[in-house]
C-alpha atoms as a PDB file:
ATOM      1  CA  MET A   1       1.097  13.025  17.130  1.00  0.00           C
ATOM      2  CA  GLY A   2       4.727  13.923  17.836  1.00  0.00           C
ATOM      3  CA  ALA A   3       5.922  10.354  17.322  1.00  0.00           C
ATOM      4  CA  PHE A   4       4.017  10.129  14.044  1.00  0.00           C
ATOM      5  CA  THR A   5       5.353  13.380  12.546  1.00  0.00           C
ATOM      6  CA  THR A   6       8.921  12.604  13.642  1.00  0.00           C
ATOM      7  CA  SER A   7       8.699   9.092  12.185  1.00  0.00           C
ATOM      8  CA  LEU A   8       7.321  10.406   8.893  1.00  0.00           C
ATOM      9  CA  ALA A   9      10.135  12.976   8.647  1.00  0.00           C
ATOM     10  CA  LEU A  10      12.756  10.317   9.412  1.00  0.00           C
ATOM     11  CA  GLY A  11      11.209   8.005   6.836  1.00  0.00           C
ATOM     12  CA  LEU A  12      11.323  10.736   4.202  1.00  0.00           C
ATOM     13  CA  ARG A  13      14.997  11.359   4.948  1.00  0.00           C
ATOM     14  CA  GLN A  14      15.590   7.608   4.635  1.00  0.00           C
ATOM     15  CA  MET A  15      14.522   7.696   0.977  1.00  0.00           C
ATOM     16  CA  LEU A  16      17.998   8.961   0.097  1.00  0.00           C
ATOM     17  CA  ASP A  17      19.596   5.930   1.740  1.00  0.00           C
ATOM     18  CA  GLY A  18      21.158   3.644  -0.869  1.00  0.00           C
ATOM     19  CA  GLU A  19      19.555   0.431   0.379  1.00  0.00           C
ATOM     20  CA  VAL A  20      16.072   1.941   0.616  1.00  0.00           C
ATOM     21  CA  LEU A  21      16.455   3.636  -2.758  1.00  0.00           C
ATOM     22  CA  ARG A  22      17.300   0.287  -4.366  1.00  0.00           C
ATOM     23  CA  VAL A  23      14.164  -1.279  -2.890  1.00  0.00           C
ATOM     24  CA  LEU A  24      12.122   1.713  -4.067  1.00  0.00           C
ATOM     25  CA  LEU A  25      13.373   1.358  -7.652  1.00  0.00           C
ATOM     26  CA  LYS A  26      12.981  -2.430  -7.604  1.00  0.00           C
ATOM     27  CA  SER A  27       9.436  -2.348  -6.220  1.00  0.00           C
ATOM     28  CA  LEU A  28       8.482   0.419  -8.652  1.00  0.00           C
ATOM     29  CA  ALA A  29       9.778  -1.605 -11.616  1.00  0.00           C
ATOM     30  CA  VAL A  30       7.823  -4.694 -10.530  1.00  0.00           C
ATOM     31  CA  THR A  31       4.659  -2.641  -9.896  1.00  0.00           C
ATOM     32  CA  LEU A  32       4.822  -0.955 -13.302  1.00  0.00           C
ATOM     33  CA  ALA A  33       5.487  -4.288 -15.023  1.00  0.00           C
ATOM     34  CA  LEU A  34       2.422  -5.780 -13.338  1.00  0.00           C
ATOM     35  CA  PHE A  35       0.355  -2.801 -14.408  1.00  0.00           C
ATOM     36  CA  VAL A  36       1.448  -3.149 -18.037  1.00  0.00           C
ATOM     37  CA  VAL A  37       0.409  -6.820 -17.987  1.00  0.00           C
ATOM     38  CA  VAL A  38      -2.884  -6.103 -16.207  1.00  0.00           C
ATOM     39  CA  ALA A  39      -3.672  -3.085 -18.405  1.00  0.00           C
ATOM     40  CA  THR A  40      -3.028  -5.018 -21.603  1.00  0.00           C
ATOM     41  CA  GLY A  41      -5.042  -8.015 -20.454  1.00  0.00           C
ATOM     42  CA  GLY A  42      -7.814  -5.767 -19.161  1.00  0.00           C
ATOM     43  CA  TRP A  43      -8.009  -3.858 -22.449  1.00  0.00           C
ATOM     44  CA  PHE A  44      -8.393  -7.044 -24.499  1.00  0.00           C
ATOM     45  CA  LEU A  45     -10.930  -8.476 -22.026  1.00  0.00           C
ATOM     46  CA  LEU A  46     -13.059  -5.316 -21.999  1.00  0.00           C
ATOM     47  CA  ASP A  47     -12.853  -5.045 -25.786  1.00  0.00           C
ATOM     48  CA  TRP A  48     -14.109  -8.633 -26.096  1.00  0.00           C
ATOM     49  CA  LEU A  49     -16.886  -8.090 -23.542  1.00  0.00           C
ATOM     50  CA  LEU A  50     -18.099  -4.960 -25.350  1.00  0.00           C
ATOM     51  CA  ASP A  51     -17.994  -6.810 -28.642  1.00  0.00           C
ATOM     52  CA  GLN A  52     -20.006  -9.701 -27.185  1.00  0.00           C
ATOM     53  CA  GLY A  53     -22.389  -7.182 -25.611  1.00  0.00           C
ATOM     54  CA  GLY A  54     -23.376  -5.849 -29.023  1.00  0.00           C
ATOM     55  CA  LEU A  55     -20.833  -3.131 -29.794  1.00  0.00           C
ATOM     56  CA  GLU A  56     -19.378  -5.053 -32.742  1.00  0.00           C
ATOM     57  CA  ASP A  57     -17.677  -3.650 -35.824  1.00  0.00           C
ATOM     58  CA  GLN A  58     -20.719  -4.212 -38.037  1.00  0.00           C
ATOM     59  CA  LEU A  59     -23.011  -2.169 -35.776  1.00  0.00           C
ATOM     60  CA  PHE A  60     -21.991   1.193 -37.261  1.00  0.00           C
ATOM     61  CA  ALA A  61     -18.970   2.887 -38.775  1.00  0.00           C
ATOM     62  CA  GLY A  62     -16.381   3.560 -36.080  1.00  0.00           C
ATOM     63  CA  ALA A  63     -17.811   1.013 -33.613  1.00  0.00           C
ATOM     64  CA  GLY A  64     -14.419  -0.668 -33.312  1.00  0.00           C
ATOM     65  CA  ALA A  65     -12.672   2.614 -32.527  1.00  0.00           C
ATOM     66  CA  LEU A  66     -15.328   3.534 -29.961  1.00  0.00           C
ATOM     67  CA  ARG A  67     -15.036   0.103 -28.366  1.00  0.00           C
ATOM     68  CA  GLY A  68     -11.271   0.472 -28.157  1.00  0.00           C
ATOM     69  CA  ALA A  69     -11.525   3.936 -26.604  1.00  0.00           C
ATOM     70  CA  LEU A  70     -14.064   2.735 -24.018  1.00  0.00           C
ATOM     71  CA  SER A  71     -11.865  -0.256 -23.175  1.00  0.00           C
ATOM     72  CA  LEU A  72      -8.843   2.003 -22.703  1.00  0.00           C
ATOM     73  CA  VAL A  73     -10.703   4.451 -20.445  1.00  0.00           C
ATOM     74  CA  LEU A  74     -12.188   1.648 -18.325  1.00  0.00           C
ATOM     75  CA  SER A  75      -8.788  -0.070 -18.068  1.00  0.00           C
ATOM     76  CA  LEU A  76      -7.090   3.128 -16.901  1.00  0.00           C
ATOM     77  CA  LEU A  77      -9.885   3.785 -14.395  1.00  0.00           C
ATOM     78  CA  GLY A  78      -9.527   0.266 -13.027  1.00  0.00           C
ATOM     79  CA  LEU A  79      -5.767   0.686 -12.726  1.00  0.00           C
ATOM     80  CA  TRP A  80      -6.201   3.956 -10.844  1.00  0.00           C
ATOM     81  CA  LEU A  81      -8.617   2.314  -8.418  1.00  0.00           C
ATOM     82  CA  THR A  82      -6.369  -0.713  -7.841  1.00  0.00           C
ATOM     83  CA  TRP A  83      -2.996   1.079  -7.788  1.00  0.00           C
ATOM     84  CA  ARG A  84      -2.868   1.125  -3.978  1.00  0.00           C
ATOM     85  CA  ILE A  85      -3.674  -2.567  -3.730  1.00  0.00           C
ATOM     86  CA  VAL A  86      -1.048  -3.666  -6.250  1.00  0.00           C
ATOM     87  CA  ALA A  87       1.646  -1.217  -5.092  1.00  0.00           C
ATOM     88  CA  MET A  88       1.223  -2.134  -1.421  1.00  0.00           C
ATOM     89  CA  ALA A  89       1.177  -5.859  -2.208  1.00  0.00           C
ATOM     90  CA  VAL A  90       4.502  -5.503  -4.029  1.00  0.00           C
ATOM     91  CA  VAL A  91       6.020  -3.446  -1.198  1.00  0.00           C
ATOM     92  CA  GLN A  92       4.700  -5.937   1.366  1.00  0.00           C
ATOM     93  CA  PHE A  93       6.780  -8.527  -0.456  1.00  0.00           C
ATOM     94  CA  TYR A  94       9.893  -6.323  -0.251  1.00  0.00           C
ATOM     95  CA  ALA A  95       9.012  -4.790   3.116  1.00  0.00           C
ATOM     96  CA  ASP A  96      11.548  -6.881   4.993  1.00  0.00           C
ATOM     97  CA  GLU A  97      14.372  -5.280   3.014  1.00  0.00           C
ATOM     98  CA  VAL A  98      13.132  -1.752   3.807  1.00  0.00           C
ATOM     99  CA  VAL A  99      12.677  -2.539   7.498  1.00  0.00           C
ATOM    100  CA  GLN A 100      16.114  -4.154   7.752  1.00  0.00           C
ATOM    101  CA  ALA A 101      17.784  -1.185   6.047  1.00  0.00           C
ATOM    102  CA  VAL A 102      16.193   1.278   8.491  1.00  0.00           C
ATOM    103  CA  GLU A 103      16.936  -0.910  11.504  1.00  0.00           C
ATOM    104  CA  ARG A 104      20.588  -1.461  10.604  1.00  0.00           C
ATOM    105  CA  ARG A 105      21.152   2.276  10.408  1.00  0.00           C
ATOM    106  CA  HIS A 106      19.024   3.546  13.287  1.00  0.00           C
ATOM    107  CA  TYR A 107      18.156   0.566  15.525  1.00  0.00           C
ATOM    108  CA  PRO A 108      21.093  -1.879  15.328  1.00  0.00           C
ATOM    109  CA  GLU A 109      20.350  -3.555  18.678  1.00  0.00           C
ATOM    110  CA  GLU A 110      16.781  -4.317  17.671  1.00  0.00           C
ATOM    111  CA  ALA A 111      17.964  -5.532  14.249  1.00  0.00           C
ATOM    112  CA  GLN A 112      20.155  -8.172  15.883  1.00  0.00           C
ATOM    113  CA  VAL A 113      17.241  -9.804  17.726  1.00  0.00           C
ATOM    114  CA  ALA A 114      14.665  -9.549  14.928  1.00  0.00           C
ATOM    115  CA  ARG A 115      13.452 -12.776  13.398  1.00  0.00           C
ATOM    116  CA  GLU A 116      13.808 -13.394   9.679  1.00  0.00           C
ATOM    117  CA  LEU A 117      10.565 -13.862   7.776  1.00  0.00           C
ATOM    118  CA  SER A 118      10.566 -16.785   5.368  1.00  0.00           C
ATOM    119  CA  PHE A 119       9.653 -16.360   1.717  1.00  0.00           C
ATOM    120  CA  GLY A 120       6.404 -18.211   2.372  1.00  0.00           C
ATOM    121  CA  GLU A 121       5.466 -15.952   5.281  1.00  0.00           C
ATOM    122  CA  GLN A 122       6.241 -12.791   3.309  1.00  0.00           C
ATOM    123  CA  LEU A 123       4.143 -14.045   0.402  1.00  0.00           C
ATOM    124  CA  ARG A 124       1.289 -15.028   2.726  1.00  0.00           C
ATOM    125  CA  VAL A 125       1.284 -11.623   4.447  1.00  0.00           C
ATOM    126  CA  ALA A 126       1.371  -9.772   1.111  1.00  0.00           C
ATOM    127  CA  LEU A 127      -1.506 -11.801  -0.345  1.00  0.00           C
ATOM    128  CA  ALA A 128      -3.571 -11.473   2.835  1.00  0.00           C
ATOM    129  CA  ALA A 129      -3.119  -7.680   2.873  1.00  0.00           C
ATOM    130  CA  ALA A 130      -4.004  -7.415  -0.822  1.00  0.00           C
ATOM    131  CA  GLY A 131      -7.070  -9.599  -0.263  1.00  0.00           C
ATOM    132  CA  ARG A 132      -8.301  -7.469   2.637  1.00  0.00           C
ATOM    133  CA  ALA A 133      -7.791  -4.286   0.633  1.00  0.00           C
ATOM    134  CA  LEU A 134      -9.549  -5.659  -2.452  1.00  0.00           C
ATOM    135  CA  LEU A 135     -12.517  -6.940  -0.428  1.00  0.00           C
ATOM    136  CA  ALA A 136     -12.893  -3.705   1.558  1.00  0.00           C
ATOM    137  CA  ASN A 137     -12.755  -1.527  -1.566  1.00  0.00           C
ATOM    138  CA  ILE A 138     -15.311  -3.702  -3.355  1.00  0.00           C
ATOM    139  CA  VAL A 139     -17.657  -3.496  -0.349  1.00  0.00           C
ATOM    140  CA  VAL A 140     -17.528   0.324  -0.208  1.00  0.00           C
ATOM    141  CA  LEU A 141     -17.667   0.796  -4.003  1.00  0.00           C
ATOM    142  CA  PRO A 142     -21.504   1.073  -4.167  1.00  0.00           C
ATOM    143  CA  PHE A 143     -21.477   3.709  -1.412  1.00  0.00           C
ATOM    144  CA  ALA A 144     -18.662   5.550  -3.204  1.00  0.00           C
ATOM    145  CA  LEU A 145     -20.753   5.653  -6.395  1.00  0.00           C
ATOM    146  CA  VAL A 146     -23.695   7.095  -4.470  1.00  0.00           C
ATOM    147  CA  LEU A 147     -21.408   9.812  -3.085  1.00  0.00           C
ATOM    148  CA  LEU A 148     -20.119  10.858  -6.517  1.00  0.00           C
ATOM    149  CA  PHE A 149     -22.568  13.781  -6.641  1.00  0.00           C
ATOM    150  CA  THR A 150     -20.946  15.317  -3.542  1.00  0.00           C
ATOM    151  CA  GLY A 151     -17.680  15.883  -5.369  1.00  0.00           C
ATOM    152  CA  VAL A 152     -15.420  14.858  -2.461  1.00  0.00           C
ATOM    153  CA  GLY A 153     -17.477  12.185  -0.714  1.00  0.00           C
ATOM    154  CA  THR A 154     -16.123   9.341  -2.833  1.00  0.00           C
ATOM    155  CA  PHE A 155     -12.504  10.350  -2.233  1.00  0.00           C
ATOM    156  CA  VAL A 156     -13.070  10.758   1.522  1.00  0.00           C
ATOM    157  CA  LEU A 157     -14.725   7.337   1.790  1.00  0.00           C
ATOM    158  CA  PHE A 158     -11.950   5.539  -0.070  1.00  0.00           C
ATOM    159  CA  TRP A 159      -9.343   7.498   1.898  1.00  0.00           C
ATOM    160  CA  LEU A 160     -10.929   6.567   5.231  1.00  0.00           C
ATOM    161  CA  VAL A 161     -11.169   2.857   4.424  1.00  0.00           C
ATOM    162  CA  ASN A 162      -7.649   2.650   3.040  1.00  0.00           C
ATOM    163  CA  ALA A 163      -6.207   4.699   5.914  1.00  0.00           C
ATOM    164  CA  LEU A 164      -7.521   2.086   8.352  1.00  0.00           C
ATOM    165  CA  LEU A 165      -6.184  -0.779   6.242  1.00  0.00           C
ATOM    166  CA  LEU A 166      -2.802   0.832   5.563  1.00  0.00           C
ATOM    167  CA  GLY A 167      -2.232   1.671   9.203  1.00  0.00           C
ATOM    168  CA  ARG A 168      -2.426  -1.997  10.078  1.00  0.00           C
ATOM    169  CA  GLU A 169      -0.390  -3.149   7.072  1.00  0.00           C
ATOM    170  CA  LEU A 170       2.445  -0.701   7.730  1.00  0.00           C
ATOM    171  CA  GLN A 171       2.563  -1.573  11.412  1.00  0.00           C
ATOM    172  CA  ASP A 172       2.637  -5.311  10.727  1.00  0.00           C
ATOM    173  CA  MET A 173       5.504  -4.923   8.229  1.00  0.00           C
ATOM    174  CA  VAL A 174       7.686  -4.097  11.230  1.00  0.00           C
ATOM    175  CA  TRP A 175       5.944  -5.731  14.147  1.00  0.00           C
ATOM    176  CA  LEU A 176       5.928  -9.240  12.677  1.00  0.00           C
ATOM    177  CA  ARG A 177       9.733  -9.248  12.895  1.00  0.00           C
ATOM    178  CA  HIS A 178       9.795  -8.340  16.584  1.00  0.00           C
ATOM    179  CA  ARG A 179       6.833  -9.892  18.359  1.00  0.00           C
ATOM    180  CA  HIS A 180       7.679 -12.925  20.501  1.00  0.00           C
ATOM    181  CA  GLN A 181       4.202 -14.456  20.617  1.00  0.00           C
ATOM    182  CA  PRO A 182       1.374 -14.267  18.022  1.00  0.00           C
ATOM    183  CA  GLN A 183      -0.994 -12.777  20.607  1.00  0.00           C
ATOM    184  CA  GLU A 184       1.340  -9.883  21.460  1.00  0.00           C
ATOM    185  CA  THR A 185      -0.044  -6.492  20.449  1.00  0.00           C
ATOM    186  CA  ALA A 186       2.017  -3.808  18.733  1.00  0.00           C
ATOM    187  CA  PRO A 187       3.008  -0.718  20.762  1.00  0.00           C
ATOM    188  CA  VAL A 188       1.494   1.720  18.260  1.00  0.00           C
ATOM    189  CA  GLY A 189      -1.794   3.291  19.313  1.00  0.00           C
ATOM    190  CA  LYS A 190      -4.849   3.237  17.050  1.00  0.00           C
ATOM    191  CA  GLY A 191      -4.684   7.011  16.548  1.00  0.00           C
ATOM    192  CA  GLU A 192      -1.047   7.001  15.458  1.00  0.00           C
ATOM    193  CA  ARG A 193      -1.662   3.987  13.245  1.00  0.00           C
ATOM    194  CA  PHE A 194      -4.570   5.773  11.573  1.00  0.00           C
ATOM    195  CA  LEU A 195      -2.521   8.945  11.045  1.00  0.00           C
ATOM    196  CA  MET A 196       0.265   6.953   9.410  1.00  0.00           C
ATOM    197  CA  GLY A 197      -2.170   5.061   7.209  1.00  0.00           C
ATOM    198  CA  GLY A 198      -4.029   8.272   6.348  1.00  0.00           C
ATOM    199  CA  ALA A 199      -0.874  10.119   5.294  1.00  0.00           C
ATOM    200  CA  ILE A 200       0.247   7.303   3.002  1.00  0.00           C
ATOM    201  CA  ALA A 201      -3.288   6.753   1.626  1.00  0.00           C
ATOM    202  CA  ALA A 202      -3.457  10.449   0.711  1.00  0.00           C
ATOM    203  CA  MET A 203      -0.067  10.258  -1.031  1.00  0.00           C
ATOM    204  CA  LEU A 204      -1.212   7.214  -2.999  1.00  0.00           C
ATOM    205  CA  ALA A 205      -3.955   9.358  -4.543  1.00  0.00           C
ATOM    206  CA  VAL A 206      -1.473  12.006  -5.778  1.00  0.00           C
ATOM    207  CA  PRO A 207       0.289  11.431  -9.131  1.00  0.00           C
ATOM    208  CA  PHE A 208       4.061  10.816  -8.818  1.00  0.00           C
ATOM    209  CA  ALA A 209       3.864  10.935  -5.015  1.00  0.00           C
ATOM    210  CA  ASN A 210       2.084   7.580  -5.213  1.00  0.00           C
ATOM    211  CA  PHE A 211       5.300   5.999  -6.528  1.00  0.00           C
ATOM    212  CA  LEU A 212       7.129   6.957  -3.341  1.00  0.00           C
ATOM    213  CA  ALA A 213       4.319   6.395  -0.842  1.00  0.00           C
ATOM    214  CA  PRO A 214       4.510   2.607  -0.185  1.00  0.00           C
ATOM    215  CA  VAL A 215       8.244   2.534   0.580  1.00  0.00           C
ATOM    216  CA  LEU A 216       8.019   5.784   2.558  1.00  0.00           C
ATOM    217  CA  GLY A 217       5.242   4.183   4.581  1.00  0.00           C
ATOM    218  CA  ALA A 218       7.348   1.113   5.354  1.00  0.00           C
ATOM    219  CA  ALA A 219      10.349   3.225   6.419  1.00  0.00           C
ATOM    220  CA  SER A 220       8.230   5.598   8.528  1.00  0.00           C
ATOM    221  CA  ALA A 221       6.376   2.723  10.180  1.00  0.00           C
ATOM    222  CA  THR A 222       9.731   1.194  11.158  1.00  0.00           C
ATOM    223  CA  HIS A 223      10.702   4.395  12.952  1.00  0.00           C
ATOM    224  CA  LEU A 224       7.278   4.671  14.600  1.00  0.00           C
ATOM    225  CA  VAL A 225       7.219   1.112  15.948  1.00  0.00           C
ATOM    226  CA  HIS A 226      10.780   1.293  17.296  1.00  0.00           C
ATOM    227  CA  ARG A 227      10.353   4.733  18.831  1.00  0.00           C
ATOM    228  CA  LYS A 228       7.268   3.463  20.640  1.00  0.00           C
ATOM    229  CA  LEU A 229       9.089   0.327  21.766  1.00  0.00           C
ATOM    230  CA  ARG A 230      11.980   2.385  23.117  1.00  0.00           C
ATOM    231  CA  SER A 231       9.609   4.758  24.926  1.00  0.00           C
ATOM    232  CA  GLN A 232       8.025   1.787  26.697  1.00  0.00           C
ATOM    233  CA  ARG A 233      11.306   0.087  27.586  1.00  0.00           C
ATOM    234  CA  PRO A 234      11.927   1.998  30.876  1.00  0.00           C
ATOM    235  CA  ASN A 235       8.398   1.188  32.022  1.00  0.00           C
ATOM    236  CA  ARG A 236       8.952  -2.488  31.387  1.00  0.00           C
ATOM    237  CA  GLU A 237      12.219  -2.427  33.282  1.00  0.00           C
ATOM    238  CA  ASP A 238      10.634  -0.738  36.298  1.00  0.00           C
ATOM    239  CA  SER A 239       7.791  -3.243  36.467  1.00  0.00           C
END
């Protein structure tokens, strides 16, 4: 718990760092651009589907306006549900820049021995993470709909699933640069990983805070992984 809270505080302080701030603004611009494209395409697609489903202009006066309003609401709802997936996929792609910026400032020795991830590997990791998140959220969607009557059940279910997914994603952003063999396990415990993922998943559900959350998660995860590695170093030397 102490390592997690310290890492989160250090990550938050890192947001004022010039290099991290540039990545934050760049990733935010790309994310918003993707959302504009997806929202526009989604609106036209939903409008066409509703029209084909029978809600055509000739049905009654104002049918076109109603169809447009329904399409807009459904598009915005879809964007809200997929914000985490898109935002984290974009940050996964830029994660290496965030991790390097934190390491150069706070962990220069570790930065010197880290391996560089190729463009292909970064793209593969980002797509794999987005795919896992999309699949998991689709699987739990029926259960989330059933829990709507509880008021908070739907939010808690989505938060729990995404906390588990985010914990792994944030850890791997850092760990992939420092593991020597594919079978090596990261030094972060499951509890700390879940806490990190849970904190960022909660922020992603809060307006305006969700813009900051992905990059904050990457910076905080960098501190967490390296603090755990350093805490284990004496033990490895004694063995």
